[in-house]
Amino acid sequence: MPALLPTKITGRITRLGCVNDRADTMRASPVQQIHASFAGVEGTQYAGATRPSCSRVMSQHPRGTVIRNVRQFSIVAAEELAEIAARIGVAELPPELLGVTIVIQGIPDFSHIPPSSRLQTDKGTTLTVDMQNRPCVQPGREIEKSVPGHGAAFKQAAAGLRGVTAWTEREGVLSLGDTLTLHVPDQQSWQHVTG
């Protein structure tokens, strides 16, 4: 019996980007197509089978510990970018300022899709969702450079709207205009309080 259920919910890739050297800038250069390998997108800042741990997993690992890289892709919804832009008082929020790999349009409440969901193209390229991405101050710095006076508001405005991180489950090409179908785990929600 399948553990993942295909849904009728789809999204369309409206933008692709690559961050080549985060030491220089976290801005993502726009591209028409990327090859999703098991190491992510080769030659980019977030590529690799492993990565050093960061503040998001400090409760599990000391900073800098080598761990599996489940943050190969940063995926945001066009609809949620528009909402963040409105919250910080700008007409548009260019996704390249956030270091985004994929902008997707059409999946409602995208930042809250279940962890372990799959996003799959018609040709089979598949990304596995790790978890919701947390907003941080770094995109705010990039926003501030482009739209002075608005960057500091980003972290709070983007809470719950920052999209998800993901990793490659099945290699293949992702292109502008591709349709991604959402597949969700066949599992009831866990009802216990954590923490």
N, C-alpha and C. Protein backbone atom coordinates (compact mmCIF):
# COMPACT_ATOMS: atom_id res chain seq x y z
N MET A 1 0.85 -1.19 0.00
CA MET A 1 0.00 0.00 0.00
C MET A 1 0.89 1.25 0.00
N PRO A 2 0.66 2.19 -0.90
CA PRO A 2 1.50 3.38 -0.96
C PRO A 2 1.41 4.21 0.33
N ALA A 3 2.56 4.75 0.73
CA ALA A 3 2.62 5.60 1.92
C ALA A 3 2.46 7.07 1.57
N LEU A 4 2.54 7.39 0.28
CA LEU A 4 2.38 8.76 -0.19
C LEU A 4 1.23 8.80 -1.18
N LEU A 5 0.34 9.75 -0.99
CA LEU A 5 -0.84 9.85 -1.84
C LEU A 5 -0.74 11.02 -2.80
N PRO A 6 -0.85 10.76 -4.11
CA PRO A 6 -0.89 11.89 -5.04
C PRO A 6 -2.17 12.68 -4.84
N THR A 7 -2.07 13.99 -4.93
CA THR A 7 -3.25 14.83 -4.81
C THR A 7 -3.55 15.44 -6.18
N LYS A 8 -4.65 16.14 -6.27
CA LYS A 8 -4.97 16.88 -7.49
C LYS A 8 -4.45 18.30 -7.41
N ILE A 9 -3.68 18.58 -6.37
CA ILE A 9 -3.13 19.92 -6.16
C ILE A 9 -1.80 20.04 -6.91
N THR A 10 -1.72 21.04 -7.76
CA THR A 10 -0.49 21.26 -8.53
C THR A 10 -0.07 22.72 -8.43
N GLY A 11 1.20 22.91 -8.68
CA GLY A 11 1.76 24.25 -8.75
C GLY A 11 2.65 24.35 -9.98
N ARG A 12 2.83 25.57 -10.44
CA ARG A 12 3.65 25.80 -11.63
C ARG A 12 4.90 26.57 -11.22
N ILE A 13 6.05 26.14 -11.73
CA ILE A 13 7.30 26.84 -11.45
C ILE A 13 7.31 28.15 -12.24
N THR A 14 7.38 29.27 -11.52
CA THR A 14 7.36 30.58 -12.17
C THR A 14 8.73 31.24 -12.14
N ARG A 15 9.64 30.70 -11.34
CA ARG A 15 10.99 31.28 -11.28
C ARG A 15 11.95 30.24 -10.72
N LEU A 16 13.16 30.22 -11.27
CA LEU A 16 14.24 29.37 -10.77
C LEU A 16 15.45 30.25 -10.51
N GLY A 17 16.20 29.93 -9.46
CA GLY A 17 17.38 30.73 -9.15
C GLY A 17 18.47 29.89 -8.52
N CYS A 18 19.70 30.38 -8.63
CA CYS A 18 20.86 29.69 -8.06
C CYS A 18 21.71 30.69 -7.29
N VAL A 19 22.09 30.32 -6.06
CA VAL A 19 23.03 31.10 -5.27
C VAL A 19 24.39 30.45 -5.45
N ASN A 20 25.30 31.15 -6.11
CA ASN A 20 26.59 30.56 -6.43
C ASN A 20 27.63 30.73 -5.33
N ASP A 21 27.63 31.85 -4.64
CA ASP A 21 28.62 32.09 -3.59
C ASP A 21 28.00 32.95 -2.50
N ARG A 22 27.52 32.31 -1.47
CA ARG A 22 26.82 33.03 -0.41
C ARG A 22 27.75 33.95 0.37
N ALA A 23 29.06 33.69 0.33
CA ALA A 23 30.00 34.59 0.99
C ALA A 23 29.95 35.96 0.32
N ASP A 24 29.67 35.98 -0.98
CA ASP A 24 29.58 37.23 -1.73
C ASP A 24 28.19 37.86 -1.56
N THR A 25 27.15 37.06 -1.79
CA THR A 25 25.76 37.52 -1.66
C THR A 25 24.85 36.31 -1.60
N MET A 26 23.71 36.46 -0.93
CA MET A 26 22.75 35.36 -0.93
C MET A 26 21.73 35.51 -2.06
N ARG A 27 21.91 36.53 -2.90
CA ARG A 27 21.00 36.73 -4.03
C ARG A 27 21.10 35.55 -5.00
N ALA A 28 19.95 35.13 -5.49
CA ALA A 28 19.89 34.02 -6.44
C ALA A 28 19.83 34.56 -7.85
N SER A 29 20.73 34.10 -8.70
CA SER A 29 20.71 34.49 -10.11
C SER A 29 19.62 33.72 -10.83
N PRO A 30 18.77 34.40 -11.61
CA PRO A 30 17.70 33.69 -12.32
C PRO A 30 18.24 32.78 -13.42
N VAL A 31 17.63 31.60 -13.56
CA VAL A 31 17.99 30.64 -14.60
C VAL A 31 16.71 30.08 -15.20
N GLN A 32 16.82 29.49 -16.38
CA GLN A 32 15.67 28.92 -17.07
C GLN A 32 15.41 27.47 -16.68
N GLN A 33 16.50 26.79 -16.26
CA GLN A 33 16.41 25.36 -16.01
C GLN A 33 17.51 24.96 -15.03
N ILE A 34 17.23 23.96 -14.22
CA ILE A 34 18.26 23.40 -13.34
C ILE A 34 18.18 21.88 -13.39
N HIS A 35 19.32 21.26 -13.11
CA HIS A 35 19.33 19.80 -12.99
C HIS A 35 19.37 19.47 -11.50
N ALA A 36 18.34 18.82 -11.02
CA ALA A 36 18.29 18.40 -9.61
C ALA A 36 18.97 17.05 -9.51
N SER A 37 20.18 17.05 -8.95
CA SER A 37 20.90 15.79 -8.74
C SER A 37 20.72 15.38 -7.28
N PHE A 38 21.24 14.21 -6.94
CA PHE A 38 21.15 13.79 -5.54
C PHE A 38 21.92 14.72 -4.62
N ALA A 39 22.80 15.53 -5.19
CA ALA A 39 23.54 16.51 -4.40
C ALA A 39 22.91 17.90 -4.51
N GLY A 40 21.73 17.99 -5.06
CA GLY A 40 21.09 19.29 -5.24
C GLY A 40 21.41 19.86 -6.60
N VAL A 41 21.73 21.15 -6.64
CA VAL A 41 22.09 21.81 -7.89
C VAL A 41 23.59 22.05 -7.87
N GLU A 42 24.32 21.25 -8.63
CA GLU A 42 25.79 21.32 -8.63
C GLU A 42 26.28 22.74 -8.87
N GLY A 43 27.36 23.10 -8.16
CA GLY A 43 27.98 24.39 -8.35
C GLY A 43 27.32 25.53 -7.59
N THR A 44 26.28 25.22 -6.82
CA THR A 44 25.61 26.28 -6.06
C THR A 44 25.94 26.16 -4.58
N GLN A 45 25.64 27.21 -3.86
CA GLN A 45 25.97 27.30 -2.44
C GLN A 45 25.33 26.17 -1.62
N TYR A 46 24.14 25.71 -2.03
CA TYR A 46 23.40 24.73 -1.23
C TYR A 46 23.57 23.29 -1.71
N ALA A 47 24.49 23.07 -2.65
CA ALA A 47 24.71 21.72 -3.18
C ALA A 47 25.47 20.87 -2.18
N GLY A 48 25.32 19.56 -2.33
CA GLY A 48 26.07 18.62 -1.52
C GLY A 48 25.17 17.63 -0.81
N ALA A 49 25.71 16.44 -0.57
CA ALA A 49 24.98 15.41 0.16
C ALA A 49 24.97 15.71 1.66
N THR A 50 25.96 16.47 2.12
CA THR A 50 26.03 16.85 3.53
C THR A 50 26.21 18.36 3.63
N ARG A 51 26.03 18.87 4.84
CA ARG A 51 26.23 20.30 5.10
C ARG A 51 26.60 20.46 6.57
N PRO A 52 27.21 21.59 6.95
CA PRO A 52 27.43 21.85 8.36
C PRO A 52 26.11 22.26 9.02
N SER A 53 25.87 21.77 10.22
CA SER A 53 24.62 22.12 10.91
C SER A 53 24.60 23.61 11.23
N CYS A 54 23.37 24.13 11.33
CA CYS A 54 23.18 25.56 11.59
C CYS A 54 22.26 25.72 12.81
N SER A 55 21.82 26.94 13.03
CA SER A 55 21.00 27.25 14.21
C SER A 55 19.67 26.49 14.22
N ARG A 56 19.18 26.06 13.06
CA ARG A 56 17.89 25.38 12.99
C ARG A 56 17.90 24.02 13.70
N VAL A 57 19.08 23.42 13.83
CA VAL A 57 19.17 22.09 14.46
C VAL A 57 20.10 22.11 15.68
N MET A 58 20.20 23.26 16.34
CA MET A 58 21.07 23.39 17.51
C MET A 58 20.64 22.48 18.66
N SER A 59 19.37 22.14 18.73
CA SER A 59 18.90 21.24 19.79
C SER A 59 19.37 19.81 19.57
N GLN A 60 19.80 19.50 18.34
CA GLN A 60 20.25 18.15 18.02
C GLN A 60 21.77 18.05 17.82
N HIS A 61 22.39 19.10 17.26
CA HIS A 61 23.81 19.02 16.90
C HIS A 61 24.52 20.34 17.20
N PRO A 62 25.76 20.27 17.70
CA PRO A 62 26.53 21.51 17.83
C PRO A 62 26.72 22.16 16.45
N ARG A 63 26.74 23.48 16.41
CA ARG A 63 26.91 24.21 15.15
C ARG A 63 28.16 23.71 14.41
N GLY A 64 28.01 23.47 13.12
CA GLY A 64 29.13 23.05 12.30
C GLY A 64 29.30 21.54 12.17
N THR A 65 28.46 20.77 12.87
CA THR A 65 28.51 19.31 12.74
C THR A 65 28.09 18.90 11.33
N VAL A 66 28.79 17.96 10.73
CA VAL A 66 28.42 17.50 9.39
C VAL A 66 27.16 16.64 9.50
N ILE A 67 26.11 17.04 8.78
CA ILE A 67 24.84 16.33 8.77
C ILE A 67 24.35 16.17 7.33
N ARG A 68 23.33 15.35 7.13
CA ARG A 68 22.72 15.16 5.81
C ARG A 68 22.14 16.49 5.34
N ASN A 69 22.32 16.81 4.08
CA ASN A 69 21.82 18.06 3.53
C ASN A 69 20.39 17.89 3.03
N VAL A 70 19.44 18.32 3.84
CA VAL A 70 18.03 18.30 3.46
C VAL A 70 17.55 19.71 3.11
N ARG A 71 18.52 20.63 2.94
CA ARG A 71 18.22 22.02 2.59
C ARG A 71 18.83 22.36 1.23
N GLN A 72 18.74 21.45 0.27
CA GLN A 72 19.31 21.68 -1.06
C GLN A 72 18.51 22.72 -1.85
N PHE A 73 17.22 22.84 -1.56
CA PHE A 73 16.34 23.75 -2.27
C PHE A 73 15.56 24.62 -1.29
N SER A 74 15.41 25.88 -1.63
CA SER A 74 14.52 26.79 -0.92
C SER A 74 13.38 27.08 -1.88
N ILE A 75 12.16 26.69 -1.48
CA ILE A 75 11.00 26.82 -2.36
C ILE A 75 9.97 27.74 -1.68
N VAL A 76 9.52 28.76 -2.40
CA VAL A 76 8.52 29.67 -1.86
C VAL A 76 7.35 29.78 -2.84
N ALA A 77 6.21 30.18 -2.32
CA ALA A 77 5.02 30.38 -3.14
C ALA A 77 4.94 31.83 -3.58
N ALA A 78 4.61 32.05 -4.84
CA ALA A 78 4.44 33.40 -5.35
C ALA A 78 3.39 34.16 -4.54
N GLU A 79 2.32 33.46 -4.16
CA GLU A 79 1.24 34.09 -3.40
C GLU A 79 1.73 34.56 -2.03
N GLU A 80 2.60 33.77 -1.40
CA GLU A 80 3.11 34.14 -0.08
C GLU A 80 4.16 35.24 -0.18
N LEU A 81 4.93 35.26 -1.27
CA LEU A 81 5.86 36.38 -1.49
C LEU A 81 5.09 37.69 -1.58
N ALA A 82 3.96 37.66 -2.27
CA ALA A 82 3.14 38.86 -2.41
C ALA A 82 2.61 39.32 -1.05
N GLU A 83 2.26 38.35 -0.21
CA GLU A 83 1.77 38.70 1.13
C GLU A 83 2.88 39.31 1.99
N ILE A 84 4.09 38.74 1.90
CA ILE A 84 5.22 39.31 2.63
C ILE A 84 5.49 40.73 2.15
N ALA A 85 5.48 40.93 0.84
CA ALA A 85 5.71 42.26 0.27
C ALA A 85 4.71 43.26 0.84
N ALA A 86 3.44 42.89 0.88
CA ALA A 86 2.41 43.79 1.43
C ALA A 86 2.68 44.09 2.89
N ARG A 87 3.09 43.08 3.64
CA ARG A 87 3.36 43.28 5.08
C ARG A 87 4.52 44.23 5.34
N ILE A 88 5.52 44.21 4.45
CA ILE A 88 6.68 45.10 4.68
C ILE A 88 6.55 46.43 3.92
N GLY A 89 5.45 46.56 3.17
CA GLY A 89 5.16 47.83 2.53
C GLY A 89 5.88 48.09 1.22
N VAL A 90 6.11 47.03 0.44
CA VAL A 90 6.69 47.21 -0.90
C VAL A 90 5.74 46.61 -1.93
N ALA A 91 5.82 47.12 -3.14
CA ALA A 91 4.91 46.64 -4.19
C ALA A 91 5.23 45.22 -4.61
N GLU A 92 6.51 44.86 -4.60
CA GLU A 92 6.93 43.54 -5.04
C GLU A 92 8.17 43.14 -4.26
N LEU A 93 8.30 41.85 -3.99
CA LEU A 93 9.47 41.33 -3.29
C LEU A 93 10.18 40.36 -4.22
N PRO A 94 11.24 40.80 -4.90
CA PRO A 94 11.95 39.91 -5.82
C PRO A 94 12.51 38.69 -5.10
N PRO A 95 12.19 37.47 -5.55
CA PRO A 95 12.62 36.26 -4.84
C PRO A 95 14.13 36.09 -4.80
N GLU A 96 14.85 36.70 -5.76
CA GLU A 96 16.30 36.56 -5.74
C GLU A 96 16.92 37.17 -4.49
N LEU A 97 16.23 38.13 -3.86
CA LEU A 97 16.75 38.74 -2.63
C LEU A 97 16.72 37.75 -1.46
N LEU A 98 15.91 36.71 -1.56
CA LEU A 98 15.77 35.73 -0.49
C LEU A 98 16.60 34.47 -0.72
N GLY A 99 17.35 34.42 -1.82
CA GLY A 99 18.14 33.23 -2.12
C GLY A 99 17.30 32.03 -2.48
N VAL A 100 16.17 32.27 -3.12
CA VAL A 100 15.20 31.22 -3.44
C VAL A 100 15.64 30.41 -4.66
N THR A 101 15.48 29.09 -4.58
CA THR A 101 15.77 28.21 -5.71
C THR A 101 14.55 28.12 -6.63
N ILE A 102 13.37 27.94 -6.04
CA ILE A 102 12.15 27.73 -6.84
C ILE A 102 11.03 28.60 -6.29
N VAL A 103 10.35 29.30 -7.20
CA VAL A 103 9.08 29.97 -6.86
C VAL A 103 7.99 29.16 -7.53
N ILE A 104 7.00 28.78 -6.76
CA ILE A 104 5.89 27.96 -7.24
C ILE A 104 4.59 28.74 -7.06
N GLN A 105 3.67 28.56 -7.98
CA GLN A 105 2.39 29.25 -7.90
C GLN A 105 1.26 28.23 -8.01
N GLY A 106 0.25 28.37 -7.14
CA GLY A 106 -0.95 27.55 -7.28
C GLY A 106 -1.24 26.58 -6.15
N ILE A 107 -0.29 26.36 -5.23
CA ILE A 107 -0.54 25.44 -4.11
C ILE A 107 -0.92 26.28 -2.90
N PRO A 108 -2.15 26.16 -2.43
CA PRO A 108 -2.61 27.00 -1.31
C PRO A 108 -1.88 26.67 -0.01
N ASP A 109 -1.67 27.71 0.79
CA ASP A 109 -1.04 27.57 2.11
C ASP A 109 0.26 26.78 2.01
N PHE A 110 1.04 27.12 1.00
CA PHE A 110 2.21 26.31 0.63
C PHE A 110 3.19 26.10 1.78
N SER A 111 3.44 27.11 2.58
CA SER A 111 4.43 26.98 3.66
C SER A 111 4.03 25.94 4.71
N HIS A 112 2.79 25.50 4.67
CA HIS A 112 2.31 24.55 5.67
C HIS A 112 2.02 23.16 5.11
N ILE A 113 2.54 22.86 3.91
CA ILE A 113 2.35 21.49 3.41
C ILE A 113 3.11 20.55 4.35
N PRO A 114 2.66 19.30 4.49
CA PRO A 114 3.27 18.40 5.48
C PRO A 114 4.74 18.09 5.16
N PRO A 115 5.58 18.04 6.19
CA PRO A 115 6.94 17.53 5.99
C PRO A 115 6.87 16.14 5.36
N SER A 116 7.83 15.83 4.53
CA SER A 116 7.93 14.57 3.81
C SER A 116 7.01 14.49 2.59
N SER A 117 6.27 15.58 2.31
CA SER A 117 5.51 15.63 1.06
C SER A 117 6.48 15.58 -0.11
N ARG A 118 5.97 15.20 -1.27
CA ARG A 118 6.77 15.21 -2.49
C ARG A 118 6.18 16.19 -3.48
N LEU A 119 7.07 16.82 -4.24
CA LEU A 119 6.70 17.68 -5.36
C LEU A 119 7.30 17.02 -6.59
N GLN A 120 6.45 16.58 -7.52
CA GLN A 120 6.93 15.76 -8.63
C GLN A 120 6.47 16.32 -9.97
N THR A 121 7.40 16.37 -10.94
CA THR A 121 7.06 16.81 -12.29
C THR A 121 6.43 15.66 -13.05
N ASP A 122 5.85 15.99 -14.20
CA ASP A 122 5.26 14.96 -15.06
C ASP A 122 6.30 13.96 -15.54
N LYS A 123 7.57 14.39 -15.62
CA LYS A 123 8.64 13.50 -16.08
C LYS A 123 9.28 12.72 -14.94
N GLY A 124 8.83 12.98 -13.70
CA GLY A 124 9.28 12.18 -12.57
C GLY A 124 10.29 12.82 -11.64
N THR A 125 10.88 13.96 -12.02
CA THR A 125 11.80 14.64 -11.10
C THR A 125 11.06 14.91 -9.80
N THR A 126 11.66 14.50 -8.68
CA THR A 126 10.94 14.57 -7.40
C THR A 126 11.78 15.20 -6.31
N LEU A 127 11.18 16.16 -5.62
CA LEU A 127 11.79 16.79 -4.45
C LEU A 127 11.00 16.38 -3.22
N THR A 128 11.73 16.08 -2.13
CA THR A 128 11.11 15.75 -0.86
C THR A 128 11.19 16.96 0.06
N VAL A 129 10.06 17.35 0.61
CA VAL A 129 10.00 18.50 1.52
C VAL A 129 10.56 18.08 2.88
N ASP A 130 11.51 18.86 3.38
CA ASP A 130 12.03 18.62 4.72
C ASP A 130 11.09 19.25 5.75
N MET A 131 11.05 20.57 5.75
CA MET A 131 10.19 21.27 6.71
C MET A 131 10.01 22.72 6.27
N GLN A 132 9.20 23.43 7.01
CA GLN A 132 8.99 24.84 6.75
C GLN A 132 10.30 25.58 6.97
N ASN A 133 10.58 26.51 6.08
CA ASN A 133 11.77 27.34 6.21
C ASN A 133 11.49 28.46 7.20
N ARG A 134 12.44 28.74 8.05
CA ARG A 134 12.27 29.81 9.02
C ARG A 134 12.87 31.10 8.48
N PRO A 135 12.18 32.22 8.63
CA PRO A 135 12.77 33.48 8.18
C PRO A 135 13.95 33.87 9.07
N CYS A 136 14.94 34.51 8.47
CA CYS A 136 16.09 34.98 9.23
C CYS A 136 16.40 36.41 8.79
N VAL A 137 17.43 36.99 9.37
CA VAL A 137 17.75 38.39 9.09
C VAL A 137 18.50 38.59 7.79
N GLN A 138 19.13 37.53 7.24
CA GLN A 138 19.95 37.70 6.04
C GLN A 138 19.17 38.22 4.83
N PRO A 139 17.99 37.67 4.51
CA PRO A 139 17.23 38.27 3.39
C PRO A 139 16.87 39.72 3.67
N GLY A 140 16.61 40.04 4.94
CA GLY A 140 16.31 41.42 5.29
C GLY A 140 17.43 42.37 4.91
N ARG A 141 18.67 41.91 5.05
CA ARG A 141 19.83 42.74 4.66
C ARG A 141 19.84 42.99 3.16
N GLU A 142 19.52 41.93 2.38
CA GLU A 142 19.47 42.08 0.92
C GLU A 142 18.32 43.01 0.52
N ILE A 143 17.17 42.87 1.19
CA ILE A 143 16.03 43.74 0.91
C ILE A 143 16.40 45.19 1.22
N GLU A 144 17.07 45.38 2.33
CA GLU A 144 17.46 46.75 2.74
C GLU A 144 18.35 47.42 1.70
N LYS A 145 19.25 46.64 1.08
CA LYS A 145 20.12 47.20 0.05
C LYS A 145 19.32 47.66 -1.16
N SER A 146 18.26 46.93 -1.50
CA SER A 146 17.45 47.25 -2.68
C SER A 146 16.32 48.23 -2.39
N VAL A 147 15.72 48.09 -1.21
CA VAL A 147 14.58 48.94 -0.85
C VAL A 147 14.82 49.46 0.57
N PRO A 148 15.65 50.48 0.72
CA PRO A 148 15.99 50.99 2.05
C PRO A 148 14.75 51.31 2.89
N GLY A 149 14.85 50.93 4.17
CA GLY A 149 13.76 51.19 5.10
C GLY A 149 12.76 50.05 5.25
N HIS A 150 12.95 48.95 4.48
CA HIS A 150 11.98 47.85 4.53
C HIS A 150 12.58 46.51 4.96
N GLY A 151 13.89 46.38 4.95
CA GLY A 151 14.52 45.10 5.24
C GLY A 151 14.32 44.60 6.65
N ALA A 152 14.34 45.49 7.63
CA ALA A 152 14.23 45.07 9.03
C ALA A 152 12.90 44.40 9.33
N ALA A 153 11.88 44.71 8.56
CA ALA A 153 10.54 44.15 8.80
C ALA A 153 10.40 42.73 8.27
N PHE A 154 11.37 42.26 7.47
CA PHE A 154 11.20 40.99 6.78
C PHE A 154 11.00 39.81 7.73
N LYS A 155 11.86 39.64 8.71
CA LYS A 155 11.83 38.43 9.54
C LYS A 155 10.46 38.22 10.18
N GLN A 156 9.91 39.23 10.77
CA GLN A 156 8.59 39.10 11.41
C GLN A 156 7.49 38.93 10.35
N ALA A 157 7.58 39.69 9.26
CA ALA A 157 6.54 39.63 8.22
C ALA A 157 6.50 38.28 7.52
N ALA A 158 7.65 37.59 7.45
CA ALA A 158 7.73 36.32 6.72
C ALA A 158 7.41 35.10 7.57
N ALA A 159 7.15 35.28 8.85
CA ALA A 159 6.84 34.14 9.71
C ALA A 159 5.65 33.36 9.16
N GLY A 160 5.85 32.06 8.94
CA GLY A 160 4.79 31.20 8.42
C GLY A 160 4.55 31.33 6.92
N LEU A 161 5.39 32.14 6.24
CA LEU A 161 5.21 32.37 4.81
C LEU A 161 6.50 32.16 4.02
N ARG A 162 7.52 31.62 4.64
CA ARG A 162 8.87 31.57 4.04
C ARG A 162 9.08 30.35 3.15
N GLY A 163 8.03 29.55 2.97
CA GLY A 163 8.14 28.38 2.12
C GLY A 163 8.74 27.19 2.84
N VAL A 164 9.35 26.29 2.07
CA VAL A 164 9.90 25.05 2.62
C VAL A 164 11.29 24.82 2.06
N THR A 165 12.01 23.94 2.74
CA THR A 165 13.27 23.45 2.20
C THR A 165 13.04 22.03 1.72
N ALA A 166 13.87 21.59 0.78
CA ALA A 166 13.66 20.27 0.18
C ALA A 166 14.98 19.71 -0.33
N TRP A 167 14.93 18.41 -0.65
CA TRP A 167 16.10 17.72 -1.20
C TRP A 167 15.63 16.80 -2.32
N THR A 168 16.58 16.41 -3.18
CA THR A 168 16.24 15.60 -4.35
C THR A 168 16.03 14.14 -3.98
N GLU A 169 14.85 13.63 -4.29
CA GLU A 169 14.59 12.20 -4.14
C GLU A 169 14.82 11.46 -5.46
N ARG A 170 14.43 12.08 -6.57
CA ARG A 170 14.65 11.50 -7.89
C ARG A 170 15.22 12.58 -8.80
N GLU A 171 16.37 12.28 -9.37
CA GLU A 171 17.07 13.26 -10.19
C GLU A 171 16.30 13.59 -11.46
N GLY A 172 16.56 14.78 -11.99
CA GLY A 172 15.96 15.19 -13.24
C GLY A 172 16.03 16.69 -13.42
N VAL A 173 15.46 17.15 -14.51
CA VAL A 173 15.48 18.57 -14.86
C VAL A 173 14.23 19.25 -14.33
N LEU A 174 14.42 20.49 -13.88
CA LEU A 174 13.31 21.36 -13.50
C LEU A 174 13.41 22.60 -14.38
N SER A 175 12.31 22.97 -15.03
CA SER A 175 12.31 24.09 -15.96
C SER A 175 11.20 25.07 -15.62
N LEU A 176 11.39 26.33 -16.02
CA LEU A 176 10.33 27.31 -15.88
C LEU A 176 9.07 26.80 -16.56
N GLY A 177 7.94 26.94 -15.89
CA GLY A 177 6.67 26.49 -16.44
C GLY A 177 6.30 25.06 -16.10
N ASP A 178 7.24 24.28 -15.56
CA ASP A 178 6.92 22.90 -15.18
C ASP A 178 5.82 22.88 -14.14
N THR A 179 4.99 21.84 -14.20
CA THR A 179 3.96 21.61 -13.19
C THR A 179 4.49 20.61 -12.18
N LEU A 180 4.31 20.93 -10.91
CA LEU A 180 4.68 20.04 -9.81
C LEU A 180 3.41 19.57 -9.13
N THR A 181 3.25 18.26 -9.00
CA THR A 181 2.10 17.69 -8.31
C THR A 181 2.48 17.40 -6.87
N LEU A 182 1.60 17.75 -5.94
CA LEU A 182 1.83 17.53 -4.52
C LEU A 182 1.39 16.12 -4.13
N HIS A 183 2.28 15.38 -3.49
CA HIS A 183 1.99 14.07 -2.92
C HIS A 183 2.19 14.20 -1.41
N VAL A 184 1.23 13.71 -0.63
CA VAL A 184 1.31 13.89 0.82
C VAL A 184 1.36 12.54 1.54
N PRO A 185 2.00 12.51 2.71
CA PRO A 185 2.06 11.26 3.48
C PRO A 185 0.67 10.80 3.90
N ASP A 186 0.45 9.49 3.84
CA ASP A 186 -0.80 8.89 4.28
C ASP A 186 -0.68 8.62 5.78
N GLN A 187 -0.80 9.68 6.55
CA GLN A 187 -0.58 9.57 7.99
C GLN A 187 -1.43 10.61 8.70
N GLN A 188 -2.06 10.21 9.78
CA GLN A 188 -2.86 11.18 10.52
C GLN A 188 -1.93 12.15 11.25
N SER A 189 -2.42 13.33 11.55
CA SER A 189 -1.63 14.32 12.28
C SER A 189 -1.34 13.81 13.68
N TRP A 190 -0.14 14.10 14.15
CA TRP A 190 0.26 13.71 15.50
C TRP A 190 -0.38 14.68 16.47
N GLN A 191 -1.08 14.17 17.47
CA GLN A 191 -1.90 14.99 18.34
C GLN A 191 -1.24 15.41 19.66
N HIS A 192 -0.03 14.93 19.90
CA HIS A 192 0.61 15.23 21.19
C HIS A 192 1.33 16.56 21.17
N VAL A 193 1.31 17.22 22.29
CA VAL A 193 2.01 18.50 22.42
C VAL A 193 3.50 18.21 22.54
N THR A 194 4.32 19.02 21.87
CA THR A 194 5.77 18.84 21.96
C THR A 194 6.37 19.92 22.85
N GLY A 195 7.61 19.69 23.23
CA GLY A 195 8.36 20.71 24.00
C GLY A 195 8.23 20.50 25.41
